[in-house]
Protein backbone atom coordinates (compact mmCIF):
# COMPACT_ATOMS: atom_id res chain seq x y z
CA MET A 1 69.12 70.49 6.06
CA THR A 2 65.69 68.20 5.55
CA LEU A 3 62.39 69.02 7.33
CA ARG A 4 62.36 66.37 9.42
CA LYS A 5 66.26 67.33 10.78
CA CYS A 6 65.25 70.78 11.15
CA LEU A 7 62.32 70.25 12.91
CA PHE A 8 63.99 67.77 15.11
CA TRP A 9 66.61 70.54 16.28
CA CYS A 10 63.37 72.86 17.18
CA HIS A 11 61.94 70.33 18.93
CA LEU A 12 65.02 69.59 20.83
CA THR A 13 65.85 73.68 21.36
CA ALA A 14 62.04 74.06 22.69
CA GLY A 15 62.38 71.21 25.09
CA VAL A 16 65.82 72.23 26.65
CA SER A 17 64.58 75.91 27.35
CA ALA A 18 61.06 75.26 28.54
CA GLY A 19 61.52 71.98 30.14
CA ILE A 20 61.98 72.89 33.71
CA VAL A 21 58.94 74.66 33.72
CA ILE A 22 56.91 72.12 31.84
CA PHE A 23 58.38 69.77 34.61
CA ILE A 24 57.18 71.71 37.30
CA MET A 25 53.29 72.35 35.25
CA SER A 26 53.50 68.63 34.63
CA VAL A 27 54.39 67.20 38.51
CA THR A 28 51.69 69.62 40.05
CA GLY A 29 49.15 68.70 37.17
CA ALA A 30 49.18 65.25 38.39
CA LEU A 31 49.07 66.44 41.43
CA LEU A 32 45.93 68.19 40.99
CA THR A 33 44.31 65.14 39.57
CA TYR A 34 41.58 64.57 42.30
CA GLU A 35 41.61 68.02 43.65
CA ARG A 36 38.12 68.46 43.86
CA GLN A 37 37.56 64.94 45.20
CA ILE A 38 39.87 65.09 47.92
CA ILE A 39 38.65 68.60 49.05
CA ALA A 40 35.31 67.05 49.38
CA TRP A 41 36.01 64.14 51.14
CA ALA A 42 38.49 66.31 53.62
CA ASP A 43 36.08 68.95 54.10
CA THR A 44 33.16 66.78 54.89
CA HIS A 45 34.10 63.28 56.07
CA GLN A 46 33.88 64.63 59.92
CA TYR A 47 30.73 66.47 59.43
CA SER A 48 28.22 63.87 58.48
CA ALA A 49 24.64 65.02 59.19
CA PRO A 50 22.03 62.32 58.23
CA PRO A 51 18.51 63.21 59.03
CA PRO A 52 17.05 62.50 62.33
CA SER A 53 14.32 60.28 60.65
CA ALA A 54 13.73 58.51 57.29
CA GLY A 55 12.40 61.34 55.11
CA ALA A 56 13.07 64.01 57.18
CA PRO A 57 13.32 67.34 55.30
CA ARG A 58 15.66 69.75 55.67
CA LEU A 59 15.30 73.28 57.33
CA PRO A 60 14.14 76.03 55.39
CA MET A 61 17.09 77.82 53.68
CA GLU A 62 16.50 81.07 55.75
CA ALA A 63 17.23 79.53 59.10
CA ILE A 64 20.39 77.49 57.51
CA ILE A 65 22.21 80.72 56.75
CA ALA A 66 20.78 82.62 59.27
CA SER A 67 22.46 80.00 61.73
CA ALA A 68 26.04 80.90 59.77
CA TYR A 69 25.05 84.51 59.93
CA ASP A 70 25.12 84.46 63.68
CA ALA A 71 27.79 81.96 64.30
CA GLU A 72 30.53 84.27 62.02
CA PRO A 73 28.78 87.95 62.00
CA SER A 74 32.09 89.05 60.69
CA THR A 75 32.38 87.01 57.46
CA ALA A 76 31.53 87.72 54.10
CA PHE A 77 29.87 84.67 52.62
CA THR A 78 29.13 84.63 49.26
CA THR A 79 28.01 81.23 48.04
CA VAL A 80 25.94 78.46 49.78
CA VAL A 81 26.29 75.22 48.45
CA VAL A 82 23.97 72.29 48.69
CA ARG A 83 24.79 68.64 47.80
CA ALA A 84 21.61 66.12 47.14
CA ASP A 85 23.25 63.43 49.68
CA THR A 86 20.95 63.60 52.33
CA SER A 87 23.74 63.01 55.14
CA ALA A 88 26.00 65.99 53.50
CA PRO A 89 25.95 69.40 55.19
CA VAL A 90 25.18 72.85 53.69
CA GLY A 91 28.14 74.58 52.95
CA LEU A 92 28.75 78.54 52.82
CA ARG A 93 31.84 79.29 50.98
CA SER A 94 33.65 83.03 51.89
CA GLY A 95 36.80 83.31 49.69
CA GLN A 96 38.78 80.16 50.12
CA ARG A 97 37.50 78.91 53.47
CA MET A 98 33.95 76.40 53.42
CA LEU A 99 31.52 76.78 57.00
CA TYR A 100 29.60 73.78 57.15
CA VAL A 101 25.86 73.70 58.82
CA ASN A 102 23.91 70.61 59.85
CA PRO A 103 20.84 71.09 57.35
CA TYR A 104 18.48 69.35 59.86
CA THR A 105 19.35 71.34 63.11
CA ALA A 106 20.90 74.72 61.83
CA GLU A 107 23.79 73.52 63.99
CA VAL A 108 27.21 75.34 62.54
CA MET A 109 29.24 71.97 62.31
CA GLY A 110 33.04 74.09 61.57
CA ASP A 111 35.42 74.44 59.05
CA GLY A 112 36.53 72.58 56.03
CA SER A 113 40.03 71.17 56.18
CA PRO A 114 42.36 74.39 55.94
CA ALA A 115 45.68 72.01 55.83
CA VAL A 116 44.24 70.38 52.92
CA ARG A 117 42.96 73.46 51.01
CA ARG A 118 46.38 75.15 51.83
CA PHE A 119 48.33 72.30 49.91
CA PHE A 120 46.10 72.39 46.95
CA ARG A 121 46.47 76.33 47.22
CA LEU A 122 50.30 76.00 46.80
CA VAL A 123 50.58 73.38 44.36
CA THR A 124 47.77 75.74 42.34
CA ASP A 125 50.34 78.81 42.84
CA TRP A 126 53.24 76.49 41.43
CA HIS A 127 51.08 75.24 38.69
CA ARG A 128 49.86 78.60 37.05
CA THR A 129 52.50 81.28 38.56
CA LEU A 130 55.47 79.12 39.66
CA ALA A 131 54.64 80.45 43.53
CA LEU A 132 55.89 83.86 42.52
CA ALA A 133 55.10 86.35 45.30
CA TRP A 134 51.64 88.35 44.56
CA GLU A 135 53.10 91.25 42.60
CA ARG A 136 55.00 89.26 40.41
CA ARG A 137 52.41 86.50 39.46
CA ALA A 138 51.68 88.22 36.54
CA ILE A 139 55.39 87.15 35.29
CA GLY A 140 54.70 84.16 36.44
CA ARG A 141 51.56 83.22 34.49
CA ALA A 142 53.81 84.85 31.36
CA ILE A 143 56.13 82.19 31.80
CA THR A 144 53.64 79.36 31.99
CA GLY A 145 51.73 80.68 29.33
CA ALA A 146 54.78 80.76 27.07
CA CYS A 147 55.90 77.34 28.02
CA ASN A 148 52.49 75.82 27.54
CA PHE A 149 52.55 77.62 23.85
CA VAL A 150 56.33 75.87 23.20
CA PHE A 151 54.76 72.95 25.06
CA LEU A 152 52.19 72.44 22.23
CA PHE A 153 54.79 72.49 19.49
CA ILE A 154 56.86 70.02 21.18
CA VAL A 155 53.74 67.62 21.63
CA ALA A 156 53.09 68.13 17.86
CA SER A 157 56.46 68.18 16.39
CA GLY A 158 57.32 65.27 18.75
CA PHE A 159 54.37 63.35 16.92
CA TYR A 160 55.54 64.26 13.66
CA LEU A 161 58.98 62.81 14.28
CA TRP A 162 57.72 59.72 16.02
CA TRP A 163 55.69 58.77 13.04
CA PRO A 164 57.70 55.88 11.63
CA ARG A 165 59.46 56.14 8.07
CA THR A 166 59.11 52.22 8.00
CA TRP A 167 55.86 50.67 9.03
CA THR A 168 57.70 47.38 10.38
CA ARG A 169 56.63 44.78 13.41
CA ARG A 170 59.79 45.23 15.09
CA HIS A 171 59.96 49.15 14.58
CA LEU A 172 56.40 49.28 15.81
CA ARG A 173 56.98 47.64 18.77
CA SER A 174 59.91 49.44 19.85
CA LEU A 175 58.18 52.70 19.59
CA THR A 176 55.15 51.37 21.41
CA MET A 177 56.46 49.20 24.31
CA PHE A 178 58.72 49.16 26.84
CA SER A 179 61.62 47.26 26.74
CA SER A 180 62.92 45.91 30.08
CA SER A 181 66.27 44.82 28.70
CA ALA A 182 67.14 48.77 27.44
CA ARG A 183 69.77 50.24 29.51
CA GLY A 184 71.30 53.98 29.30
CA LYS A 185 70.62 55.68 26.25
CA ALA A 186 68.32 53.14 24.71
CA ARG A 187 66.28 52.82 28.07
CA ASP A 188 65.64 57.04 27.57
CA PHE A 189 64.94 56.91 24.08
CA ASN A 190 62.44 53.95 24.41
CA TRP A 191 60.43 55.62 27.28
CA HIS A 192 60.57 58.78 25.65
CA ASN A 193 58.99 57.05 22.45
CA VAL A 194 56.51 54.96 24.31
CA ILE A 195 55.39 57.44 26.97
CA GLY A 196 55.12 60.00 23.48
CA PHE A 197 53.27 57.67 21.45
CA TRP A 198 50.30 57.04 24.49
CA SER A 199 50.14 60.52 26.10
CA ALA A 200 50.25 62.11 22.47
CA ILE A 201 46.46 62.91 21.93
CA PRO A 202 45.29 63.56 25.27
CA LEU A 203 48.45 65.53 26.00
CA PHE A 204 47.58 67.60 22.89
CA VAL A 205 43.90 68.38 24.40
CA ILE A 206 45.27 69.02 27.51
CA VAL A 207 47.71 71.42 26.66
CA LEU A 208 45.19 73.06 24.23
CA GLY A 209 43.12 73.62 27.09
CA SER A 210 45.37 75.68 28.99
CA LEU A 211 45.97 78.14 26.21
CA VAL A 212 42.48 79.02 26.39
CA ILE A 213 42.78 79.45 30.08
CA SER A 214 46.42 81.39 29.74
CA TYR A 215 45.45 83.43 26.60
CA PRO A 216 42.52 85.92 25.97
CA TRP A 217 43.46 85.89 22.12
CA ALA A 218 43.24 81.99 22.23
CA THR A 219 39.63 82.14 23.76
CA ASP A 220 38.51 84.58 20.69
CA MET A 221 39.93 82.53 18.18
CA VAL A 222 37.80 79.61 19.59
CA TYR A 223 34.53 82.05 18.99
CA ARG A 224 36.15 83.23 15.67
CA ILE A 225 36.64 79.75 13.92
CA VAL A 226 33.04 78.84 14.64
CA GLY A 227 31.79 82.61 13.10
CA GLU A 228 30.91 84.39 16.65
CA ALA A 229 31.99 87.36 17.94
CA PRO A 230 34.32 87.22 21.18
CA PRO A 231 32.57 87.95 24.39
CA VAL A 232 33.42 91.82 25.32
CA ARG A 233 35.48 91.93 28.44
CA GLN A 234 35.00 94.53 31.29
CA ARG A 235 38.35 96.07 32.06
CA PRO A 236 38.59 97.17 35.79
CA ALA A 237 37.69 100.59 36.57
CA THR A 238 40.71 102.79 37.18
CA PRO A 239 40.05 105.68 39.99
CA ALA A 240 40.15 109.02 39.16
CA GLY A 241 43.23 110.63 39.96
CA GLY A 242 45.84 107.66 38.82
CA ALA A 243 46.29 105.59 41.36
CA SER A 244 48.89 102.90 42.16
CA GLY A 245 48.13 99.10 41.39
CA ALA A 246 47.83 98.25 45.61
CA VAL A 247 45.43 101.12 45.70
CA ARG A 248 43.66 100.04 42.58
CA GLY A 249 43.35 96.69 44.61
CA GLN A 250 42.15 98.13 47.50
CA ASN A 251 39.33 99.86 45.58
CA ALA A 252 38.43 96.94 43.74
CA GLY A 253 38.17 94.89 46.95
CA ALA A 254 36.13 97.26 48.46
CA ALA A 255 33.60 97.80 45.41
CA ARG A 256 33.09 94.10 45.69
CA GLN A 257 31.99 94.48 49.16
CA PRO A 258 27.92 93.21 49.56
CA ASP A 259 25.51 96.29 50.97
CA GLY A 260 23.98 96.41 53.75
CA ASN A 261 21.46 93.83 53.62
CA GLY A 262 23.97 91.14 52.07
CA PRO A 263 26.32 89.11 53.98
CA GLY A 264 28.94 92.05 54.01
CA ARG A 265 30.13 93.75 56.88
CA GLY A 266 28.35 96.59 58.73
CA GLY A 267 25.00 95.75 57.68
CA PRO A 268 21.99 93.98 58.93
CA ARG A 269 22.38 89.90 58.79
CA ARG A 270 19.57 88.08 57.35
CA PRO A 271 19.03 86.07 54.79
CA PRO A 272 17.81 87.07 51.36
CA GLU A 273 14.01 87.32 51.40
CA GLY A 274 12.13 85.06 49.80
CA ILE A 275 14.87 82.44 49.92
CA GLY A 276 12.62 79.18 50.81
CA ALA A 277 10.19 79.40 47.84
CA LEU A 278 13.34 80.19 45.26
CA TRP A 279 15.27 77.30 46.40
CA ALA A 280 12.05 75.17 46.30
CA ARG A 281 11.46 76.19 42.68
CA ALA A 282 15.16 75.28 41.93
CA GLU A 283 15.32 72.38 43.00
CA ARG A 284 12.45 71.12 40.94
CA GLN A 285 14.10 72.59 37.81
CA VAL A 286 15.92 69.33 37.37
CA PRO A 287 14.85 66.74 39.46
CA GLY A 288 18.39 64.46 39.18
CA TRP A 289 20.33 67.13 40.49
CA ARG A 290 23.61 66.35 42.39
CA SER A 291 24.20 69.69 43.82
CA ILE A 292 23.03 73.11 43.80
CA SER A 293 24.94 76.70 44.53
CA PHE A 294 23.91 80.15 44.41
CA SER A 295 25.68 83.44 45.05
CA LEU A 296 24.44 85.73 47.98
CA PRO A 297 22.71 88.78 46.25
CA ARG A 298 24.30 91.75 47.49
CA ALA A 299 21.11 94.25 46.46
CA ALA A 300 17.73 93.68 47.71
CA ASP A 301 16.08 93.47 44.09
CA ALA A 302 18.84 91.62 42.37
CA PRO A 303 17.98 88.16 40.93
CA LEU A 304 18.78 85.04 42.39
CA VAL A 305 21.30 82.84 40.17
CA PHE A 306 21.53 78.84 40.89
CA THR A 307 24.05 76.65 39.32
CA ILE A 308 22.45 73.05 38.97
CA ASP A 309 25.16 70.34 38.52
CA GLU A 310 24.28 66.52 37.54
CA GLY A 311 27.52 65.45 36.98
CA THR A 312 30.97 65.86 39.40
CA GLY A 313 30.91 69.58 38.90
CA GLY A 314 33.65 69.94 36.54
CA GLN A 315 31.67 68.91 33.46
CA PRO A 316 29.81 71.45 32.01
CA GLN A 317 27.84 69.49 29.31
CA LYS A 318 26.14 68.21 32.75
CA ARG A 319 25.51 71.61 34.35
CA ALA A 320 23.04 74.70 33.96
CA THR A 321 21.81 78.04 35.28
CA LEU A 322 19.10 79.01 36.55
CA THR A 323 17.66 82.66 37.06
CA LEU A 324 14.82 83.61 39.09
CA ASN A 325 12.76 86.54 39.82
CA ARG A 326 13.49 87.45 43.42
CA ALA A 327 9.66 88.79 43.93
CA THR A 328 7.79 86.29 41.71
CA ALA A 329 10.14 83.24 41.57
CA GLU A 330 9.46 83.23 37.58
CA VAL A 331 12.27 82.11 35.53
CA VAL A 332 14.35 84.99 34.21
CA ARG A 333 16.58 82.77 32.59
CA TRP A 334 17.51 79.29 32.46
CA GLU A 335 20.83 78.22 30.35
CA PRO A 336 21.35 74.90 30.04
CA PHE A 337 24.93 73.48 28.57
CA ALA A 338 22.88 72.94 25.52
CA SER A 339 21.48 76.17 24.96
CA LEU A 340 24.82 77.89 24.79
CA SER A 341 26.42 79.13 21.55
CA PRO A 342 29.11 76.58 19.99
CA GLY A 343 31.88 79.16 20.61
CA ARG A 344 30.59 78.88 24.30
CA GLN A 345 30.05 75.01 24.37
CA ILE A 346 33.80 74.67 22.85
CA ARG A 347 35.38 77.07 25.15
CA SER A 348 33.94 75.18 28.34
CA TRP A 349 34.68 71.87 27.18
CA LEU A 350 38.19 73.22 26.38
CA ARG A 351 38.71 74.65 30.05
CA PHE A 352 37.65 71.12 31.82
CA ALA A 353 39.13 68.98 28.86
CA HIS A 354 42.51 70.50 30.73
CA THR A 355 41.78 69.10 33.78
CA GLY A 356 40.37 65.82 32.25
CA GLU A 357 37.24 66.40 34.45
CA VAL A 358 34.58 67.22 31.13
CA TYR A 359 34.76 63.13 31.16
CA GLY A 360 34.34 62.78 34.80
CA LEU A 361 36.71 60.51 36.85
CA VAL A 362 38.20 58.40 34.03
CA GLY A 363 38.84 61.35 32.18
CA GLN A 364 40.48 62.90 35.24
CA THR A 365 42.90 60.00 35.86
CA ILE A 366 44.01 59.73 32.19
CA ALA A 367 44.75 63.57 32.58
CA GLY A 368 46.80 62.63 35.76
CA LEU A 369 48.70 59.85 34.30
CA VAL A 370 49.16 61.95 31.04
CA SER A 371 50.56 64.78 33.15
CA LEU A 372 52.65 62.34 34.81
CA GLY A 373 53.95 60.95 31.93
CA ALA A 374 54.68 64.52 30.51
CA SER A 375 56.97 64.77 33.51
CA VAL A 376 59.04 61.33 32.20
CA LEU A 377 59.06 62.80 28.81
CA VAL A 378 60.67 66.21 29.89
CA TYR A 379 63.27 63.73 32.29
CA THR A 380 64.08 61.40 29.27
CA GLY A 381 64.09 64.38 27.06
CA LEU A 382 66.88 66.42 28.96
CA LEU A 383 68.69 63.19 29.39
CA LEU A 384 68.73 62.42 25.82
CA ALA A 385 69.98 65.99 25.12
CA PHE A 386 72.88 65.83 27.76
CA ARG A 387 74.04 62.33 26.12
CA ARG A 388 74.07 64.14 22.78
CA LEU A 389 76.35 66.84 24.04
CA LEU A 390 78.70 64.47 25.77
CA ALA A 391 79.05 62.39 22.72
CA TRP A 392 79.48 65.65 21.04
CA ARG A 393 82.09 67.00 22.94
CA VAL A 394 83.62 63.59 22.75
CA ARG A 395 83.85 63.60 19.07
CA VAL A 396 85.17 67.23 19.09
CA ARG A 397 87.77 65.95 21.33
CA ASN A 398 88.79 63.07 19.43
CA ALA A 399 88.60 65.46 16.13
CA ARG A 400 91.26 67.61 17.74
CA ARG A 401 93.26 64.42 18.87
CA ALA A 402 93.47 63.25 15.25
CA ALA A 403 94.54 66.53 13.96
CA VAL A 404 97.70 66.83 16.19
CA ALA A 405 98.46 62.90 15.95
CA THR A 406 98.60 63.22 11.81
CA SER A 407 99.82 67.29 11.33
CA PRO A 408 103.81 67.10 10.51
CA PRO A 409 105.63 68.55 13.65
CA SER A 410 107.07 72.24 13.45
CA SER A 411 110.36 73.62 14.01
CA LEU A 412 109.99 74.82 16.92
CA THR A 413 108.56 71.38 18.43
CA GLY A 414 111.23 69.41 16.45
CA SER A 415 113.90 71.55 18.55
CA ILE A 416 112.28 71.02 21.91
CA ASP A 417 112.34 67.07 21.36
CA VAL A 418 115.99 67.56 20.47
CA GLY A 419 117.06 69.75 23.36
CA VAL A 420 115.06 67.18 25.77
């Protein structure tokens, strides 16, 4: 058996084995193409907060946060998100929920769109874990992770199998352009090859990015390739006495609750002290910022960490982290993308190359089209495999009939014929 034939059968077997899961991940990936933009529009299109007069400043950040605390005394807000758009409300996040406040009047305007968020959360669950129940999500992640690995092999082997043995114009045209006259098997073959050709490189990058999301060893490999030590991962603490998984989850959730001075339950509800001066310092750090977010600290002496974004939200090369001293507003740490180690830069790039967001709206569109194309690749690939199986069964049946027709009649058969 030649290498090409061996690779073809491996390619076919892998596609048939993982095809259904890959199809689900491809379709859901296409649905998630513009998730960030759709959620932002659905959340805020009804909550426009224009300034009362030209050049009117926003209220102090303390007043905005205090208004949300007063309106939602039992909600544990964790993050504040401010956009540069003067008509955009300030958002306070609590889990999957986002509450919006008018930055000029401190009026609590309402929640974001729960229906849209639920839809994308469901699509994301199918994409990552096949929407399995909470206690079985680890199984779902293992399945999708393994199928991503198989998909990477399918893409790479498909590119090799596609590579023309003879470079003729007619042959190249049949592999790179759709044929309107093709029908049946010829149509499936044409679609499979054309879509595979145009999506091979971006699809390879997208699937490669999924591996560093699915497997810690893939992330570690990124660091080791550039000669860096992989980051040390913290394991969740196990309660004494060997608690069950459910109890460990409850304890972990309790451990994450903010203290009495923060936005947690059971303590004073007030904004972090000095947040106004810290916010003003963060604004000056990057004059062209498009959004700034910061986590509400749990401890009174904890530094305040701002994420300053000049891009669309999914472009790590346009995002930086600023850590300020709570008491003096001095810069404790400034981490733009260029200051990160090569390993962290590549890891961040691969993470958002998976969604195409690293290249903005154009990259997202390409990723969405490629994901949609991948679903067609699975569909045509399974059809071609099914047609091959049917053709094989027909050949076997015809061979048996030919063998029976050419074999000499047995004595038993002859006696039966005579009797009849």
